[in-house]
Amino acid sequence: MHELKIAEELIGIVIQVAETENLKKVTKVNIQFGKMIMIVPDVFHFVFDCAVKGTIARKAKLHLEILPVKFACNKCKEETQIDDLIFVCPYCGSNDLELIQGRETIIESIEGEKNG
């Protein structure tokens, strides 16, 4: 279950940012994952809730967005979104593709309440 390791690392970053920004508590965390990271949203929500226990993010709401896989074809130069993870350009049939989206993990935003 790689979701737990990812959640722990992201929570560490969230807490560090919250402390730097002088937040007394984190209320919402917005995270984007590329589809190729293979996050199971229900599992990630569960491990996130476990990972924030006892922290200033313990009551934070989590919003996840899964970003589609996108490639640029090096042969015909078309960009395309691929849903089935079969890496073939639908325009020219080439498999000479460059990944442009789908493997990212992004903390899009952290919301919270400031101290004093």
C-alpha atoms as a PDB file:
ATOM      1  CA  MET A   1       0.000   0.000   0.000  1.00  0.00           C
ATOM      2  CA  HIS A   2       2.099   2.904  -1.307  1.00  0.00           C
ATOM      3  CA  GLU A   3      -0.639   5.379  -0.371  1.00  0.00           C
ATOM      4  CA  LEU A   4       0.515   5.342   3.271  1.00  0.00           C
ATOM      5  CA  LYS A   5       4.107   6.318   2.440  1.00  0.00           C
ATOM      6  CA  ILE A   6       2.920   9.070   0.096  1.00  0.00           C
ATOM      7  CA  ALA A   7       0.428  10.363   2.690  1.00  0.00           C
ATOM      8  CA  GLU A   8       3.083  10.468   5.413  1.00  0.00           C
ATOM      9  CA  GLU A   9       5.483  12.403   3.179  1.00  0.00           C
ATOM     10  CA  LEU A  10       2.797  14.855   2.067  1.00  0.00           C
ATOM     11  CA  ILE A  11       1.584  15.431   5.632  1.00  0.00           C
ATOM     12  CA  GLY A  12       5.160  16.244   6.628  1.00  0.00           C
ATOM     13  CA  ILE A  13       5.234  18.910   3.926  1.00  0.00           C
ATOM     14  CA  VAL A  14       1.774  20.226   4.874  1.00  0.00           C
ATOM     15  CA  ILE A  15       2.785  20.591   8.536  1.00  0.00           C
ATOM     16  CA  GLN A  16       6.073  22.269   7.615  1.00  0.00           C
ATOM     17  CA  VAL A  17       4.260  24.780   5.370  1.00  0.00           C
ATOM     18  CA  ALA A  18       1.586  25.367   8.030  1.00  0.00           C
ATOM     19  CA  GLU A  19       4.240  26.143  10.633  1.00  0.00           C
ATOM     20  CA  THR A  20       6.107  28.432   8.231  1.00  0.00           C
ATOM     21  CA  GLU A  21       2.855  30.268   7.455  1.00  0.00           C
ATOM     22  CA  ASN A  22       2.023  30.514  11.188  1.00  0.00           C
ATOM     23  CA  LEU A  23      -1.195  28.485  10.954  1.00  0.00           C
ATOM     24  CA  LYS A  24      -2.781  27.254  14.174  1.00  0.00           C
ATOM     25  CA  LYS A  25      -4.654  24.555  12.265  1.00  0.00           C
ATOM     26  CA  VAL A  26      -4.991  23.201   8.736  1.00  0.00           C
ATOM     27  CA  THR A  27      -8.588  23.051   7.519  1.00  0.00           C
ATOM     28  CA  LYS A  28      -8.242  21.786   3.947  1.00  0.00           C
ATOM     29  CA  VAL A  29      -5.598  20.204   1.736  1.00  0.00           C
ATOM     30  CA  ASN A  30      -5.985  20.000  -2.045  1.00  0.00           C
ATOM     31  CA  ILE A  31      -3.791  17.407  -3.750  1.00  0.00           C
ATOM     32  CA  GLN A  32      -3.434  16.386  -7.384  1.00  0.00           C
ATOM     33  CA  PHE A  33      -2.106  12.989  -8.468  1.00  0.00           C
ATOM     34  CA  GLY A  34      -1.305  11.898 -11.983  1.00  0.00           C
ATOM     35  CA  LYS A  35      -3.203   8.757 -12.966  1.00  0.00           C
ATOM     36  CA  MET A  36       0.053   6.809 -13.358  1.00  0.00           C
ATOM     37  CA  ILE A  37       0.776   7.213  -9.629  1.00  0.00           C
ATOM     38  CA  MET A  38      -2.055   4.675  -9.227  1.00  0.00           C
ATOM     39  CA  ILE A  39      -3.555   6.204  -6.094  1.00  0.00           C
ATOM     40  CA  VAL A  40      -6.780   4.593  -4.893  1.00  0.00           C
ATOM     41  CA  PRO A  41      -8.750   7.622  -3.639  1.00  0.00           C
ATOM     42  CA  ASP A  42     -10.680   5.786  -0.880  1.00  0.00           C
ATOM     43  CA  VAL A  43      -7.482   4.218   0.437  1.00  0.00           C
ATOM     44  CA  PHE A  44      -5.657   7.541   0.298  1.00  0.00           C
ATOM     45  CA  HIS A  45      -8.440   9.294   2.213  1.00  0.00           C
ATOM     46  CA  PHE A  46      -8.225   6.609   4.908  1.00  0.00           C
ATOM     47  CA  VAL A  47      -4.431   6.737   5.288  1.00  0.00           C
ATOM     48  CA  PHE A  48      -4.461  10.555   5.159  1.00  0.00           C
ATOM     49  CA  ASP A  49      -6.906  10.597   8.080  1.00  0.00           C
ATOM     50  CA  CYS A  50      -4.613   8.217   9.984  1.00  0.00           C
ATOM     51  CA  ALA A  51      -1.477  10.222   9.170  1.00  0.00           C
ATOM     52  CA  VAL A  52      -2.889  13.568  10.393  1.00  0.00           C
ATOM     53  CA  LYS A  53      -3.956  12.279  13.810  1.00  0.00           C
ATOM     54  CA  GLY A  54      -2.285  14.256  16.567  1.00  0.00           C
ATOM     55  CA  THR A  55      -1.158  17.045  14.220  1.00  0.00           C
ATOM     56  CA  ILE A  56      -2.418  20.545  13.452  1.00  0.00           C
ATOM     57  CA  ALA A  57      -4.003  19.006  10.342  1.00  0.00           C
ATOM     58  CA  ARG A  58      -6.055  16.445  12.295  1.00  0.00           C
ATOM     59  CA  LYS A  59      -9.401  17.938  11.190  1.00  0.00           C
ATOM     60  CA  ALA A  60      -8.349  18.907   7.675  1.00  0.00           C
ATOM     61  CA  LYS A  61     -10.631  18.025   4.796  1.00  0.00           C
ATOM     62  CA  LEU A  62      -8.865  16.359   1.890  1.00  0.00           C
ATOM     63  CA  HIS A  63      -9.739  17.079  -1.717  1.00  0.00           C
ATOM     64  CA  LEU A  64      -8.132  14.804  -4.317  1.00  0.00           C
ATOM     65  CA  GLU A  65      -7.974  15.285  -8.045  1.00  0.00           C
ATOM     66  CA  ILE A  66      -6.676  12.584 -10.370  1.00  0.00           C
ATOM     67  CA  LEU A  67      -5.065  14.080 -13.462  1.00  0.00           C
ATOM     68  CA  PRO A  68      -5.325  12.167 -16.743  1.00  0.00           C
ATOM     69  CA  VAL A  69      -2.338  10.764 -18.612  1.00  0.00           C
ATOM     70  CA  LYS A  70      -1.290  13.012 -21.497  1.00  0.00           C
ATOM     71  CA  PHE A  71       1.356  12.427 -24.131  1.00  0.00           C
ATOM     72  CA  ALA A  72       2.866  14.349 -27.014  1.00  0.00           C
ATOM     73  CA  CYS A  73       3.643  12.284 -30.085  1.00  0.00           C
ATOM     74  CA  ASN A  74       7.228  12.795 -31.253  1.00  0.00           C
ATOM     75  CA  LYS A  75       6.247  11.718 -34.772  1.00  0.00           C
ATOM     76  CA  CYS A  76       3.119  13.790 -35.607  1.00  0.00           C
ATOM     77  CA  LYS A  77       3.485  16.325 -32.733  1.00  0.00           C
ATOM     78  CA  GLU A  78      -0.147  15.883 -31.599  1.00  0.00           C
ATOM     79  CA  GLU A  79      -0.972  15.926 -27.895  1.00  0.00           C
ATOM     80  CA  THR A  80      -3.485  13.458 -26.574  1.00  0.00           C
ATOM     81  CA  GLN A  81      -5.046  12.220 -23.373  1.00  0.00           C
ATOM     82  CA  ILE A  82      -4.803   8.460 -22.974  1.00  0.00           C
ATOM     83  CA  ASP A  83      -7.338   6.733 -20.735  1.00  0.00           C
ATOM     84  CA  ASP A  84      -6.566   3.049 -21.175  1.00  0.00           C
ATOM     85  CA  LEU A  85      -2.785   3.168 -20.624  1.00  0.00           C
ATOM     86  CA  ILE A  86      -2.109   1.769 -24.100  1.00  0.00           C
ATOM     87  CA  PHE A  87       0.662   4.064 -25.235  1.00  0.00           C
ATOM     88  CA  VAL A  88      -0.035   4.509 -28.941  1.00  0.00           C
ATOM     89  CA  CYS A  89      -0.776   7.797 -30.680  1.00  0.00           C
ATOM     90  CA  PRO A  90      -4.404   7.734 -31.822  1.00  0.00           C
ATOM     91  CA  TYR A  91      -3.543  10.083 -34.709  1.00  0.00           C
ATOM     92  CA  CYS A  92      -0.636   8.300 -36.413  1.00  0.00           C
ATOM     93  CA  GLY A  93      -0.220   4.975 -34.547  1.00  0.00           C
ATOM     94  CA  SER A  94       3.288   5.767 -33.340  1.00  0.00           C
ATOM     95  CA  ASN A  95       4.486   4.619 -29.936  1.00  0.00           C
ATOM     96  CA  ASP A  96       7.207   7.297 -29.851  1.00  0.00           C
ATOM     97  CA  LEU A  97       5.463   9.328 -27.164  1.00  0.00           C
ATOM     98  CA  GLU A  98       6.632  11.799 -24.554  1.00  0.00           C
ATOM     99  CA  LEU A  99       4.786  11.913 -21.246  1.00  0.00           C
ATOM    100  CA  ILE A 100       3.600  15.455 -20.477  1.00  0.00           C
ATOM    101  CA  GLN A 101       1.181  14.708 -17.614  1.00  0.00           C
ATOM    102  CA  GLY A 102       0.273  11.776 -15.429  1.00  0.00           C
ATOM    103  CA  ARG A 103       3.094  11.132 -12.952  1.00  0.00           C
ATOM    104  CA  GLU A 104       2.850  14.228 -10.782  1.00  0.00           C
ATOM    105  CA  THR A 105       2.053  14.611  -7.119  1.00  0.00           C
ATOM    106  CA  ILE A 106       1.118  18.201  -6.350  1.00  0.00           C
ATOM    107  CA  ILE A 107      -0.038  19.851  -3.156  1.00  0.00           C
ATOM    108  CA  GLU A 108      -2.195  22.399  -4.915  1.00  0.00           C
ATOM    109  CA  SER A 109      -3.152  24.340  -1.780  1.00  0.00           C
ATOM    110  CA  ILE A 110      -3.241  24.249   2.000  1.00  0.00           C
ATOM    111  CA  GLU A 111      -5.945  26.179   3.828  1.00  0.00           C
ATOM    112  CA  GLY A 112      -6.011  26.975   7.502  1.00  0.00           C
ATOM    113  CA  GLU A 113      -6.477  29.441  10.317  1.00  0.00           C
ATOM    114  CA  LYS A 114      -3.690  31.812  11.290  1.00  0.00           C
ATOM    115  CA  ASN A 115      -2.398  32.230  14.815  1.00  0.00           C
ATOM    116  CA  GLY A 116      -3.411  35.362  16.685  1.00  0.00           C
END
